[in-house]
Amino acid sequence: MTDDTPGADPRPPAGARSGHGRQFRSAGTWLNVSIVGIQFPVAIAIGYFFGRFLDRHLGTWPWLTIVFSVFGIAAGFVNLFRITAQAARSEEDQLRPELGLKVYPPDDEEGEDEDKDGDTKRGHDDGG
């Protein structure tokens, strides 16, 4: 039997793919981290220009410009912390197998398991 038969799986074995998948995840992580340099000033600019737009139409110069500029700065810092935490978590997940440590499932799967298990473990109090 040859590999060209219909129904044969053309993909390489799982062990052969893991190295490439790890490289792509690492590249994606570093791409997200490199975007922080653009996202931070863009968030500030969006807040500033939105506040300036509202100030012109509502006649509240400079208050809404100041408020929305502060919101833009806060949004920039939130993005900064979120992306760096994600990068740290991704790097830690890549190092775990190499160090022989347990690999945890992604966050979204954990949340689904907690919802499913939480309903069965909780007792319902009928108030009596």
N, C-alpha and C. Protein backbone atom coordinates (compact mmCIF):
# COMPACT_ATOMS: atom_id res chain seq x y z
N MET A 1 0.84 -1.17 0.00
CA MET A 1 0.00 0.00 0.00
C MET A 1 0.89 1.24 0.00
N THR A 2 0.57 2.23 -0.81
CA THR A 2 1.38 3.44 -0.90
C THR A 2 0.70 4.58 -0.15
N ASP A 3 1.47 5.63 0.05
CA ASP A 3 0.93 6.79 0.74
C ASP A 3 0.01 7.61 -0.15
N ASP A 4 -0.04 7.33 -1.45
CA ASP A 4 -0.87 8.10 -2.37
C ASP A 4 -2.31 7.59 -2.41
N THR A 5 -2.64 6.59 -1.62
CA THR A 5 -3.99 6.06 -1.63
C THR A 5 -4.95 7.06 -1.02
N PRO A 6 -6.19 7.08 -1.55
CA PRO A 6 -7.17 8.00 -0.97
C PRO A 6 -7.41 7.66 0.50
N GLY A 7 -7.56 8.68 1.31
CA GLY A 7 -7.80 8.47 2.73
C GLY A 7 -6.53 8.45 3.55
N ALA A 8 -5.35 8.41 2.90
CA ALA A 8 -4.09 8.42 3.66
C ALA A 8 -3.86 9.84 4.18
N ASP A 9 -3.38 9.93 5.38
CA ASP A 9 -3.13 11.23 6.01
C ASP A 9 -1.82 11.80 5.48
N PRO A 10 -1.86 12.93 4.73
CA PRO A 10 -0.64 13.48 4.14
C PRO A 10 0.22 14.27 5.14
N ARG A 11 -0.31 14.50 6.33
CA ARG A 11 0.44 15.29 7.32
C ARG A 11 1.53 14.45 7.97
N PRO A 12 2.62 15.10 8.36
CA PRO A 12 3.67 14.37 9.06
C PRO A 12 3.20 13.96 10.45
N PRO A 13 3.88 13.04 11.09
CA PRO A 13 3.48 12.62 12.44
C PRO A 13 3.50 13.80 13.40
N ALA A 14 2.76 13.69 14.48
CA ALA A 14 2.60 14.78 15.46
C ALA A 14 3.94 15.25 16.01
N GLY A 15 4.86 14.36 16.26
CA GLY A 15 6.16 14.73 16.81
C GLY A 15 6.96 15.59 15.85
N ALA A 16 6.79 15.37 14.57
CA ALA A 16 7.53 16.15 13.57
C ALA A 16 6.98 17.56 13.46
N ARG A 17 5.70 17.75 13.75
CA ARG A 17 5.09 19.07 13.63
C ARG A 17 5.32 19.94 14.84
N SER A 18 5.60 19.40 15.99
CA SER A 18 5.66 20.19 17.21
C SER A 18 6.74 21.26 17.17
N GLY A 19 7.87 21.00 16.52
CA GLY A 19 8.94 21.99 16.44
C GLY A 19 8.52 23.21 15.63
N HIS A 20 7.83 22.99 14.51
CA HIS A 20 7.38 24.10 13.68
C HIS A 20 6.29 24.88 14.38
N GLY A 21 5.38 24.21 15.04
CA GLY A 21 4.31 24.90 15.77
C GLY A 21 4.87 25.79 16.87
N ARG A 22 5.89 25.30 17.53
CA ARG A 22 6.53 26.08 18.60
C ARG A 22 7.19 27.33 18.03
N GLN A 23 7.82 27.19 16.86
CA GLN A 23 8.46 28.35 16.23
C GLN A 23 7.42 29.39 15.80
N PHE A 24 6.29 28.94 15.26
CA PHE A 24 5.25 29.88 14.84
C PHE A 24 4.64 30.59 16.04
N ARG A 25 4.41 29.86 17.15
CA ARG A 25 3.87 30.51 18.35
C ARG A 25 4.84 31.53 18.89
N SER A 26 6.13 31.20 18.88
CA SER A 26 7.14 32.13 19.36
C SER A 26 7.18 33.37 18.48
N ALA A 27 7.11 33.19 17.17
CA ALA A 27 7.11 34.33 16.26
C ALA A 27 5.87 35.18 16.48
N GLY A 28 4.72 34.56 16.69
CA GLY A 28 3.49 35.30 16.94
C GLY A 28 3.57 36.09 18.23
N THR A 29 4.17 35.51 19.25
CA THR A 29 4.33 36.20 20.52
C THR A 29 5.20 37.43 20.36
N TRP A 30 6.32 37.28 19.67
CA TRP A 30 7.21 38.42 19.49
C TRP A 30 6.61 39.47 18.57
N LEU A 31 5.77 39.06 17.64
CA LEU A 31 5.08 40.02 16.79
C LEU A 31 4.12 40.86 17.63
N ASN A 32 3.38 40.22 18.52
CA ASN A 32 2.47 40.95 19.42
C ASN A 32 3.24 41.91 20.31
N VAL A 33 4.38 41.49 20.81
CA VAL A 33 5.19 42.36 21.68
C VAL A 33 5.72 43.55 20.89
N SER A 34 6.11 43.34 19.65
CA SER A 34 6.64 44.45 18.85
C SER A 34 5.57 45.47 18.50
N ILE A 35 4.32 45.09 18.51
CA ILE A 35 3.22 45.99 18.18
C ILE A 35 2.97 46.99 19.31
N VAL A 36 3.44 46.69 20.51
CA VAL A 36 3.22 47.59 21.65
C VAL A 36 3.73 48.98 21.34
N GLY A 37 4.84 49.10 20.65
CA GLY A 37 5.41 50.40 20.31
C GLY A 37 4.50 51.23 19.44
N ILE A 38 3.61 50.59 18.71
CA ILE A 38 2.65 51.30 17.87
C ILE A 38 1.34 51.51 18.61
N GLN A 39 0.89 50.49 19.34
CA GLN A 39 -0.40 50.57 20.02
C GLN A 39 -0.45 51.64 21.09
N PHE A 40 0.63 51.84 21.79
CA PHE A 40 0.64 52.80 22.89
C PHE A 40 0.36 54.22 22.39
N PRO A 41 1.14 54.76 21.44
CA PRO A 41 0.83 56.11 20.97
C PRO A 41 -0.49 56.21 20.21
N VAL A 42 -0.90 55.14 19.53
CA VAL A 42 -2.17 55.18 18.80
C VAL A 42 -3.34 55.29 19.79
N ALA A 43 -3.28 54.57 20.90
CA ALA A 43 -4.34 54.67 21.91
C ALA A 43 -4.42 56.08 22.47
N ILE A 44 -3.28 56.70 22.71
CA ILE A 44 -3.26 58.07 23.22
C ILE A 44 -3.82 59.03 22.17
N ALA A 45 -3.43 58.86 20.91
CA ALA A 45 -3.90 59.74 19.84
C ALA A 45 -5.41 59.60 19.64
N ILE A 46 -5.92 58.39 19.70
CA ILE A 46 -7.37 58.19 19.55
C ILE A 46 -8.12 58.91 20.67
N GLY A 47 -7.64 58.76 21.90
CA GLY A 47 -8.28 59.46 23.02
C GLY A 47 -8.22 60.96 22.86
N TYR A 48 -7.07 61.47 22.46
CA TYR A 48 -6.90 62.92 22.29
C TYR A 48 -7.83 63.47 21.22
N PHE A 49 -7.81 62.85 20.04
CA PHE A 49 -8.61 63.37 18.94
C PHE A 49 -10.11 63.20 19.17
N PHE A 50 -10.52 62.13 19.85
CA PHE A 50 -11.93 61.96 20.18
C PHE A 50 -12.37 63.04 21.17
N GLY A 51 -11.55 63.31 22.18
CA GLY A 51 -11.86 64.38 23.13
C GLY A 51 -11.89 65.73 22.45
N ARG A 52 -10.96 65.98 21.55
CA ARG A 52 -10.93 67.25 20.82
C ARG A 52 -12.18 67.42 19.95
N PHE A 53 -12.59 66.31 19.30
CA PHE A 53 -13.81 66.34 18.48
C PHE A 53 -15.02 66.70 19.34
N LEU A 54 -15.16 66.03 20.49
CA LEU A 54 -16.29 66.31 21.37
C LEU A 54 -16.22 67.74 21.92
N ASP A 55 -15.04 68.20 22.26
CA ASP A 55 -14.89 69.57 22.76
C ASP A 55 -15.35 70.60 21.73
N ARG A 56 -15.02 70.39 20.47
CA ARG A 56 -15.42 71.33 19.42
C ARG A 56 -16.94 71.36 19.27
N HIS A 57 -17.57 70.19 19.33
CA HIS A 57 -19.01 70.14 19.12
C HIS A 57 -19.82 70.52 20.35
N LEU A 58 -19.27 70.30 21.52
CA LEU A 58 -20.00 70.59 22.75
C LEU A 58 -19.56 71.90 23.41
N GLY A 59 -18.49 72.50 22.92
CA GLY A 59 -18.00 73.75 23.47
C GLY A 59 -17.45 73.63 24.88
N THR A 60 -16.78 72.54 25.16
CA THR A 60 -16.26 72.31 26.51
C THR A 60 -14.74 72.35 26.55
N TRP A 61 -14.12 73.02 25.60
CA TRP A 61 -12.66 73.05 25.50
C TRP A 61 -12.04 73.42 26.83
N PRO A 62 -11.03 72.82 27.36
CA PRO A 62 -10.21 71.66 26.98
C PRO A 62 -10.56 70.41 27.77
N TRP A 63 -11.69 70.41 28.47
CA TRP A 63 -11.95 69.36 29.45
C TRP A 63 -12.07 67.96 28.86
N LEU A 64 -12.84 67.79 27.82
CA LEU A 64 -13.00 66.44 27.26
C LEU A 64 -11.71 65.97 26.57
N THR A 65 -10.94 66.90 26.03
CA THR A 65 -9.65 66.53 25.45
C THR A 65 -8.74 65.96 26.53
N ILE A 66 -8.72 66.60 27.68
CA ILE A 66 -7.89 66.12 28.79
C ILE A 66 -8.39 64.76 29.29
N VAL A 67 -9.69 64.65 29.49
CA VAL A 67 -10.27 63.40 30.01
C VAL A 67 -10.00 62.23 29.06
N PHE A 68 -10.27 62.43 27.77
CA PHE A 68 -10.08 61.32 26.83
C PHE A 68 -8.61 61.05 26.54
N SER A 69 -7.76 62.05 26.70
CA SER A 69 -6.31 61.79 26.60
C SER A 69 -5.86 60.89 27.74
N VAL A 70 -6.38 61.14 28.94
CA VAL A 70 -6.07 60.28 30.09
C VAL A 70 -6.60 58.86 29.85
N PHE A 71 -7.82 58.76 29.28
CA PHE A 71 -8.36 57.44 28.94
C PHE A 71 -7.46 56.74 27.93
N GLY A 72 -6.93 57.47 26.95
CA GLY A 72 -6.03 56.89 25.95
C GLY A 72 -4.75 56.39 26.57
N ILE A 73 -4.21 57.18 27.52
CA ILE A 73 -2.99 56.75 28.22
C ILE A 73 -3.27 55.48 29.02
N ALA A 74 -4.41 55.45 29.71
CA ALA A 74 -4.78 54.25 30.49
C ALA A 74 -4.95 53.05 29.56
N ALA A 75 -5.60 53.24 28.42
CA ALA A 75 -5.79 52.13 27.47
C ALA A 75 -4.44 51.64 26.95
N GLY A 76 -3.50 52.56 26.72
CA GLY A 76 -2.17 52.17 26.27
C GLY A 76 -1.46 51.31 27.30
N PHE A 77 -1.56 51.70 28.58
CA PHE A 77 -0.94 50.90 29.64
C PHE A 77 -1.62 49.54 29.80
N VAL A 78 -2.95 49.50 29.67
CA VAL A 78 -3.66 48.22 29.77
C VAL A 78 -3.18 47.29 28.66
N ASN A 79 -3.07 47.81 27.43
CA ASN A 79 -2.56 46.99 26.32
C ASN A 79 -1.13 46.53 26.59
N LEU A 80 -0.31 47.42 27.12
CA LEU A 80 1.08 47.08 27.42
C LEU A 80 1.14 45.92 28.41
N PHE A 81 0.40 46.02 29.50
CA PHE A 81 0.43 44.96 30.52
C PHE A 81 -0.18 43.67 30.00
N ARG A 82 -1.25 43.76 29.22
CA ARG A 82 -1.90 42.56 28.70
C ARG A 82 -0.97 41.81 27.75
N ILE A 83 -0.31 42.53 26.86
CA ILE A 83 0.56 41.89 25.87
C ILE A 83 1.81 41.32 26.53
N THR A 84 2.39 42.05 27.49
CA THR A 84 3.59 41.51 28.14
C THR A 84 3.25 40.30 29.00
N ALA A 85 2.09 40.30 29.65
CA ALA A 85 1.68 39.12 30.43
C ALA A 85 1.45 37.92 29.51
N GLN A 86 0.83 38.17 28.37
CA GLN A 86 0.60 37.09 27.41
C GLN A 86 1.93 36.54 26.88
N ALA A 87 2.88 37.42 26.61
CA ALA A 87 4.19 36.98 26.12
C ALA A 87 4.93 36.18 27.18
N ALA A 88 4.85 36.63 28.43
CA ALA A 88 5.52 35.89 29.52
C ALA A 88 4.89 34.52 29.69
N ARG A 89 3.56 34.46 29.63
CA ARG A 89 2.87 33.18 29.78
C ARG A 89 3.22 32.23 28.63
N SER A 90 3.31 32.77 27.41
CA SER A 90 3.65 31.95 26.26
C SER A 90 5.07 31.42 26.36
N GLU A 91 6.00 32.29 26.80
CA GLU A 91 7.39 31.86 26.95
C GLU A 91 7.51 30.81 28.05
N GLU A 92 6.76 30.98 29.12
CA GLU A 92 6.78 30.00 30.21
C GLU A 92 6.23 28.66 29.73
N ASP A 93 5.16 28.70 28.94
CA ASP A 93 4.57 27.46 28.42
C ASP A 93 5.54 26.74 27.50
N GLN A 94 6.37 27.49 26.77
CA GLN A 94 7.36 26.86 25.89
C GLN A 94 8.48 26.22 26.70
N LEU A 95 8.82 26.80 27.83
CA LEU A 95 9.93 26.27 28.63
C LEU A 95 9.52 25.10 29.51
N ARG A 96 8.25 25.00 29.86
CA ARG A 96 7.79 23.94 30.76
C ARG A 96 8.16 22.53 30.29
N PRO A 97 7.86 22.15 29.04
CA PRO A 97 8.21 20.78 28.63
C PRO A 97 9.72 20.53 28.66
N GLU A 98 10.50 21.55 28.33
CA GLU A 98 11.95 21.38 28.32
C GLU A 98 12.50 21.17 29.73
N LEU A 99 11.83 21.75 30.73
CA LEU A 99 12.28 21.60 32.11
C LEU A 99 11.61 20.41 32.81
N GLY A 100 10.72 19.73 32.09
CA GLY A 100 10.05 18.57 32.67
C GLY A 100 8.92 18.95 33.61
N LEU A 101 8.36 20.13 33.47
CA LEU A 101 7.26 20.58 34.32
C LEU A 101 5.93 20.30 33.65
N LYS A 102 4.86 20.33 34.44
CA LYS A 102 3.53 20.07 33.93
C LYS A 102 3.09 21.21 33.02
N VAL A 103 2.46 20.87 31.89
CA VAL A 103 1.96 21.87 30.96
C VAL A 103 0.47 22.03 31.22
N TYR A 104 0.05 23.26 31.48
CA TYR A 104 -1.34 23.55 31.76
C TYR A 104 -2.09 23.87 30.48
N PRO A 105 -3.42 23.58 30.44
CA PRO A 105 -4.19 23.90 29.23
C PRO A 105 -4.37 25.41 29.11
N PRO A 106 -4.72 25.90 27.92
CA PRO A 106 -4.95 27.33 27.75
C PRO A 106 -6.07 27.82 28.65
N ASP A 107 -6.10 29.13 28.90
CA ASP A 107 -7.07 29.71 29.82
C ASP A 107 -8.51 29.48 29.40
N ASP A 108 -8.81 29.56 28.10
CA ASP A 108 -10.20 29.44 27.67
C ASP A 108 -10.76 28.05 27.95
N GLU A 109 -9.94 27.01 27.88
CA GLU A 109 -10.41 25.67 28.19
C GLU A 109 -10.64 25.50 29.68
N GLU A 110 -9.82 26.14 30.51
CA GLU A 110 -9.99 26.04 31.96
C GLU A 110 -11.32 26.65 32.37
N GLY A 111 -11.68 27.80 31.78
CA GLY A 111 -12.93 28.46 32.13
C GLY A 111 -14.13 27.60 31.78
N GLU A 112 -14.09 26.90 30.63
CA GLU A 112 -15.18 26.03 30.25
C GLU A 112 -15.31 24.87 31.22
N ASP A 113 -14.18 24.28 31.66
CA ASP A 113 -14.23 23.17 32.58
C ASP A 113 -14.79 23.59 33.92
N GLU A 114 -14.44 24.79 34.38
CA GLU A 114 -14.94 25.26 35.66
C GLU A 114 -16.45 25.46 35.62
N ASP A 115 -16.97 25.96 34.50
CA ASP A 115 -18.40 26.16 34.39
C ASP A 115 -19.14 24.82 34.40
N LYS A 116 -18.59 23.85 33.68
CA LYS A 116 -19.24 22.54 33.62
C LYS A 116 -19.18 21.85 34.98
N ASP A 117 -18.00 21.86 35.61
CA ASP A 117 -17.85 21.19 36.90
C ASP A 117 -18.53 21.96 38.02
N GLY A 118 -18.54 23.29 37.93
CA GLY A 118 -19.09 24.12 38.99
C GLY A 118 -20.57 23.87 39.20
N ASP A 119 -21.31 23.62 38.11
CA ASP A 119 -22.74 23.39 38.25
C ASP A 119 -23.03 22.06 38.93
N THR A 120 -22.20 21.07 38.71
CA THR A 120 -22.45 19.76 39.30
C THR A 120 -21.98 19.71 40.75
N LYS A 121 -20.98 20.52 41.13
CA LYS A 121 -20.43 20.45 42.48
C LYS A 121 -21.22 21.32 43.46
N ARG A 122 -21.86 22.39 42.95
CA ARG A 122 -22.56 23.30 43.84
C ARG A 122 -23.88 22.70 44.29
N GLY A 123 -24.17 22.90 45.54
CA GLY A 123 -25.48 22.49 46.06
C GLY A 123 -26.45 23.64 45.88
N HIS A 124 -27.68 23.34 45.55
CA HIS A 124 -28.68 24.38 45.39
C HIS A 124 -29.46 24.52 46.68
N ASP A 125 -29.44 25.73 47.21
CA ASP A 125 -30.14 26.01 48.46
C ASP A 125 -31.50 26.58 48.14
N ASP A 126 -32.55 25.87 48.54
CA ASP A 126 -33.91 26.30 48.25
C ASP A 126 -34.45 27.26 49.31
N GLY A 127 -33.63 27.62 50.25
CA GLY A 127 -34.02 28.57 51.27
C GLY A 127 -34.76 27.91 52.44
N GLY A 128 -34.79 26.61 52.53
CA GLY A 128 -35.56 26.01 53.60
C GLY A 128 -34.77 25.00 54.26
